[in-house]
Amino acid sequence: MITNPATLKLYFAELAAEFGCSFVYGNSDRILNRQLSSLKYPVLWLETPEMRLRRNGTLVRDFHTAFLCLTDAPGGAEDVQDDALDEMHLLTEQVLQRMQADSETHPTPFLFDMEGAISEQKYKWSGDDDWGWRTEFELTGAACETEDCCE
């Protein structure tokens, strides 16, 4: 069950491992500080979420965030860059499809509809010559009104 940033982070770390990716969590400074060879590609990077509490019968927590699927395309050849974008688009679709499937399992760990996800290409994103896709999404998890309800 996703209830807070830590459980969202754990979920994405597990996805990264399942898809054979490195995992990074946090804002852009965190990943930029690891550039230039300390990252193993491909990378699944989850940005720190924005959260909102609301009532839907019970209290729920909406997470608004993004993930990036990145790989490096050294050498600058256009066909290598195009292949990198295609490869990361496929990985992005696999992550979204997995999130959709997981949201439909019982008991429901979170609510998610990939229909609202927005992806944009990232061209030569950093000094590592990263190429890939950034996908914004919303996910709804449980929220706790008392200290012991989500333990």
C-alpha atoms as a PDB file:
ATOM      1  CA  MET A   1       0.000   0.000   0.000  1.00  0.00           C
ATOM      2  CA  ILE A   2       1.371   3.409  -0.907  1.00  0.00           C
ATOM      3  CA  THR A   3       0.777   5.844   1.932  1.00  0.00           C
ATOM      4  CA  ASN A   4       3.740   8.260   1.945  1.00  0.00           C
ATOM      5  CA  PRO A   5       6.862   9.270  -0.008  1.00  0.00           C
ATOM      6  CA  ALA A   6       8.873   6.387   1.476  1.00  0.00           C
ATOM      7  CA  THR A   7       6.444   3.718   0.247  1.00  0.00           C
ATOM      8  CA  LEU A   8       6.215   5.377  -3.187  1.00  0.00           C
ATOM      9  CA  LYS A   9      10.019   5.394  -3.354  1.00  0.00           C
ATOM     10  CA  LEU A  10      10.163   1.707  -2.364  1.00  0.00           C
ATOM     11  CA  TYR A  11       7.610   0.805  -5.041  1.00  0.00           C
ATOM     12  CA  PHE A  12       9.676   2.517  -7.751  1.00  0.00           C
ATOM     13  CA  ALA A  13      12.931   1.010  -6.467  1.00  0.00           C
ATOM     14  CA  GLU A  14      11.300  -2.421  -6.839  1.00  0.00           C
ATOM     15  CA  LEU A  15      10.137  -1.540 -10.369  1.00  0.00           C
ATOM     16  CA  ALA A  16      13.658  -0.438 -11.284  1.00  0.00           C
ATOM     17  CA  ALA A  17      15.109  -3.717 -10.039  1.00  0.00           C
ATOM     18  CA  GLU A  18      12.472  -5.707 -11.909  1.00  0.00           C
ATOM     19  CA  PHE A  19      13.247  -3.887 -15.168  1.00  0.00           C
ATOM     20  CA  GLY A  20      17.042  -4.108 -14.671  1.00  0.00           C
ATOM     21  CA  CYS A  21      17.539  -0.386 -14.049  1.00  0.00           C
ATOM     22  CA  SER A  22      19.450   1.698 -11.567  1.00  0.00           C
ATOM     23  CA  PHE A  23      17.223   3.770  -9.305  1.00  0.00           C
ATOM     24  CA  VAL A  24      17.521   7.418  -8.253  1.00  0.00           C
ATOM     25  CA  TYR A  25      15.103   9.358  -6.058  1.00  0.00           C
ATOM     26  CA  GLY A  26      14.955  13.080  -5.480  1.00  0.00           C
ATOM     27  CA  ASN A  27      15.294  16.402  -7.208  1.00  0.00           C
ATOM     28  CA  SER A  28      17.523  17.150 -10.193  1.00  0.00           C
ATOM     29  CA  ASP A  29      20.530  18.114  -8.044  1.00  0.00           C
ATOM     30  CA  ARG A  30      20.659  14.588  -6.661  1.00  0.00           C
ATOM     31  CA  ILE A  31      20.970  12.982 -10.084  1.00  0.00           C
ATOM     32  CA  LEU A  32      23.213  15.676 -11.557  1.00  0.00           C
ATOM     33  CA  ASN A  33      25.676  15.154  -8.704  1.00  0.00           C
ATOM     34  CA  ARG A  34      25.936  11.492  -9.725  1.00  0.00           C
ATOM     35  CA  GLN A  35      26.536  12.154 -13.403  1.00  0.00           C
ATOM     36  CA  LEU A  36      29.691  11.449 -15.326  1.00  0.00           C
ATOM     37  CA  SER A  37      30.077   7.713 -14.909  1.00  0.00           C
ATOM     38  CA  SER A  38      28.726   7.039 -11.416  1.00  0.00           C
ATOM     39  CA  LEU A  39      25.304   6.097 -12.816  1.00  0.00           C
ATOM     40  CA  LYS A  40      24.644   2.687 -14.316  1.00  0.00           C
ATOM     41  CA  TYR A  41      22.273   2.860 -17.280  1.00  0.00           C
ATOM     42  CA  PRO A  42      19.402   2.581 -17.844  1.00  0.00           C
ATOM     43  CA  VAL A  43      18.170   4.680 -14.916  1.00  0.00           C
ATOM     44  CA  LEU A  44      14.659   4.947 -13.493  1.00  0.00           C
ATOM     45  CA  TRP A  45      14.526   8.230 -11.611  1.00  0.00           C
ATOM     46  CA  LEU A  46      11.566   9.177  -9.426  1.00  0.00           C
ATOM     47  CA  GLU A  47      11.230  12.857  -8.618  1.00  0.00           C
ATOM     48  CA  THR A  48      10.208  13.893  -5.114  1.00  0.00           C
ATOM     49  CA  PRO A  49       6.398  14.073  -5.132  1.00  0.00           C
ATOM     50  CA  GLU A  50       4.023  16.872  -4.325  1.00  0.00           C
ATOM     51  CA  MET A  51       1.173  15.613  -2.154  1.00  0.00           C
ATOM     52  CA  ARG A  52      -2.365  16.652  -1.367  1.00  0.00           C
ATOM     53  CA  LEU A  53      -4.758  15.227   1.217  1.00  0.00           C
ATOM     54  CA  ARG A  54      -8.431  15.004   0.342  1.00  0.00           C
ATOM     55  CA  ARG A  55     -11.557  13.135   1.328  1.00  0.00           C
ATOM     56  CA  ASN A  56     -13.109  10.524  -0.877  1.00  0.00           C
ATOM     57  CA  GLY A  57     -15.295   8.915   1.779  1.00  0.00           C
ATOM     58  CA  THR A  58     -12.055   8.259   3.640  1.00  0.00           C
ATOM     59  CA  LEU A  59      -8.908  10.357   3.730  1.00  0.00           C
ATOM     60  CA  VAL A  60      -6.618   9.739   0.737  1.00  0.00           C
ATOM     61  CA  ARG A  61      -3.289  11.147  -0.358  1.00  0.00           C
ATOM     62  CA  ASP A  62      -2.772  12.243  -3.965  1.00  0.00           C
ATOM     63  CA  PHE A  63       0.803  12.095  -5.218  1.00  0.00           C
ATOM     64  CA  HIS A  64       1.743  14.302  -8.172  1.00  0.00           C
ATOM     65  CA  THR A  65       5.206  13.529  -9.445  1.00  0.00           C
ATOM     66  CA  ALA A  66       7.227  12.322 -12.422  1.00  0.00           C
ATOM     67  CA  PHE A  67       9.625   9.574 -13.329  1.00  0.00           C
ATOM     68  CA  LEU A  68      12.343   9.613 -15.951  1.00  0.00           C
ATOM     69  CA  CYS A  69      13.695   6.689 -17.920  1.00  0.00           C
ATOM     70  CA  LEU A  70      17.179   7.633 -19.083  1.00  0.00           C
ATOM     71  CA  THR A  71      20.048   5.999 -20.904  1.00  0.00           C
ATOM     72  CA  ASP A  72      23.254   7.418 -22.274  1.00  0.00           C
ATOM     73  CA  ALA A  73      23.963   7.795 -25.963  1.00  0.00           C
ATOM     74  CA  PRO A  74      27.657   8.682 -26.196  1.00  0.00           C
ATOM     75  CA  GLY A  75      29.203   9.602 -29.475  1.00  0.00           C
ATOM     76  CA  GLY A  76      26.439  11.880 -30.675  1.00  0.00           C
ATOM     77  CA  ALA A  77      25.400   9.833 -33.717  1.00  0.00           C
ATOM     78  CA  GLU A  78      21.763  10.582 -34.515  1.00  0.00           C
ATOM     79  CA  ASP A  79      20.833   6.937 -35.018  1.00  0.00           C
ATOM     80  CA  VAL A  80      22.294   6.075 -31.587  1.00  0.00           C
ATOM     81  CA  GLN A  81      20.299   8.912 -30.024  1.00  0.00           C
ATOM     82  CA  ASP A  82      17.114   7.818 -31.807  1.00  0.00           C
ATOM     83  CA  ASP A  83      17.636   4.231 -30.631  1.00  0.00           C
ATOM     84  CA  ALA A  84      18.154   5.472 -27.060  1.00  0.00           C
ATOM     85  CA  LEU A  85      14.889   7.431 -27.195  1.00  0.00           C
ATOM     86  CA  ASP A  86      13.032   4.425 -28.615  1.00  0.00           C
ATOM     87  CA  GLU A  87      14.478   2.114 -25.947  1.00  0.00           C
ATOM     88  CA  MET A  88      13.524   4.504 -23.139  1.00  0.00           C
ATOM     89  CA  HIS A  89      10.045   5.011 -24.620  1.00  0.00           C
ATOM     90  CA  LEU A  90       9.514   1.253 -24.427  1.00  0.00           C
ATOM     91  CA  LEU A  91      10.731   1.225 -20.808  1.00  0.00           C
ATOM     92  CA  THR A  92       8.411   4.152 -19.992  1.00  0.00           C
ATOM     93  CA  GLU A  93       5.453   2.260 -21.450  1.00  0.00           C
ATOM     94  CA  GLN A  94       6.396  -0.851 -19.472  1.00  0.00           C
ATOM     95  CA  VAL A  95       6.527   1.124 -16.215  1.00  0.00           C
ATOM     96  CA  LEU A  96       3.132   2.709 -16.921  1.00  0.00           C
ATOM     97  CA  GLN A  97       1.586  -0.630 -17.872  1.00  0.00           C
ATOM     98  CA  ARG A  98       2.940  -2.216 -14.695  1.00  0.00           C
ATOM     99  CA  MET A  99       1.562   0.631 -12.563  1.00  0.00           C
ATOM    100  CA  GLN A 100      -1.832   0.194 -14.245  1.00  0.00           C
ATOM    101  CA  ALA A 101      -1.819  -3.557 -13.629  1.00  0.00           C
ATOM    102  CA  ASP A 102      -0.684  -3.159 -10.012  1.00  0.00           C
ATOM    103  CA  SER A 103      -3.456  -0.631  -9.368  1.00  0.00           C
ATOM    104  CA  GLU A 104      -5.976  -3.280 -10.392  1.00  0.00           C
ATOM    105  CA  THR A 105      -4.763  -6.016  -8.018  1.00  0.00           C
ATOM    106  CA  HIS A 106      -6.557  -6.910  -4.793  1.00  0.00           C
ATOM    107  CA  PRO A 107      -6.184  -5.596  -2.230  1.00  0.00           C
ATOM    108  CA  THR A 108      -5.682  -2.385  -4.172  1.00  0.00           C
ATOM    109  CA  PRO A 109      -2.268  -0.891  -3.272  1.00  0.00           C
ATOM    110  CA  PHE A 110      -3.079   2.469  -4.912  1.00  0.00           C
ATOM    111  CA  LEU A 111      -5.314   4.081  -7.532  1.00  0.00           C
ATOM    112  CA  PHE A 112      -3.748   4.912 -10.888  1.00  0.00           C
ATOM    113  CA  ASP A 113      -4.978   5.474 -14.419  1.00  0.00           C
ATOM    114  CA  MET A 114      -2.294   5.751 -17.067  1.00  0.00           C
ATOM    115  CA  GLU A 115      -4.704   7.788 -19.204  1.00  0.00           C
ATOM    116  CA  GLY A 116      -3.658  10.958 -17.396  1.00  0.00           C
ATOM    117  CA  ALA A 117       0.116  10.425 -17.707  1.00  0.00           C
ATOM    118  CA  ILE A 118       2.037  12.957 -19.802  1.00  0.00           C
ATOM    119  CA  SER A 119       5.425  12.050 -21.303  1.00  0.00           C
ATOM    120  CA  GLU A 120       7.961  14.347 -22.918  1.00  0.00           C
ATOM    121  CA  GLN A 121      11.277  13.585 -24.554  1.00  0.00           C
ATOM    122  CA  LYS A 122      14.481  14.637 -22.845  1.00  0.00           C
ATOM    123  CA  TYR A 123      17.241  15.311 -25.326  1.00  0.00           C
ATOM    124  CA  LYS A 124      20.835  15.304 -24.128  1.00  0.00           C
ATOM    125  CA  TRP A 125      19.607  15.915 -20.630  1.00  0.00           C
ATOM    126  CA  SER A 126      22.984  16.088 -18.873  1.00  0.00           C
ATOM    127  CA  GLY A 127      26.741  15.829 -19.114  1.00  0.00           C
ATOM    128  CA  ASP A 128      26.434  12.055 -19.418  1.00  0.00           C
ATOM    129  CA  ASP A 129      24.626  12.564 -22.732  1.00  0.00           C
ATOM    130  CA  ASP A 130      21.425  11.138 -21.252  1.00  0.00           C
ATOM    131  CA  TRP A 131      18.419  10.601 -23.505  1.00  0.00           C
ATOM    132  CA  GLY A 132      14.967   9.476 -22.505  1.00  0.00           C
ATOM    133  CA  TRP A 133      11.486  10.392 -21.348  1.00  0.00           C
ATOM    134  CA  ARG A 134      10.026  12.277 -18.383  1.00  0.00           C
ATOM    135  CA  THR A 135       6.494  11.199 -17.435  1.00  0.00           C
ATOM    136  CA  GLU A 136       4.257  13.174 -15.079  1.00  0.00           C
ATOM    137  CA  PHE A 137       1.541  11.206 -13.324  1.00  0.00           C
ATOM    138  CA  GLU A 138      -0.872  11.204 -10.427  1.00  0.00           C
ATOM    139  CA  LEU A 139      -1.405   8.315  -8.082  1.00  0.00           C
ATOM    140  CA  THR A 140      -3.770   8.076  -5.110  1.00  0.00           C
ATOM    141  CA  GLY A 141      -2.776   6.193  -1.990  1.00  0.00           C
ATOM    142  CA  ALA A 142      -4.115   5.792   1.505  1.00  0.00           C
ATOM    143  CA  ALA A 143      -3.719   8.433   4.185  1.00  0.00           C
ATOM    144  CA  CYS A 144      -3.852   8.066   7.941  1.00  0.00           C
ATOM    145  CA  GLU A 145      -5.967  10.119  10.288  1.00  0.00           C
ATOM    146  CA  THR A 146      -4.642   8.464  13.441  1.00  0.00           C
ATOM    147  CA  GLU A 147      -1.135   7.492  14.477  1.00  0.00           C
ATOM    148  CA  ASP A 148      -1.696   3.757  14.216  1.00  0.00           C
ATOM    149  CA  CYS A 149      -3.922   3.320  11.138  1.00  0.00           C
ATOM    150  CA  CYS A 150      -1.173   2.803   8.523  1.00  0.00           C
ATOM    151  CA  GLU A 151       1.298   0.688  10.443  1.00  0.00           C
END
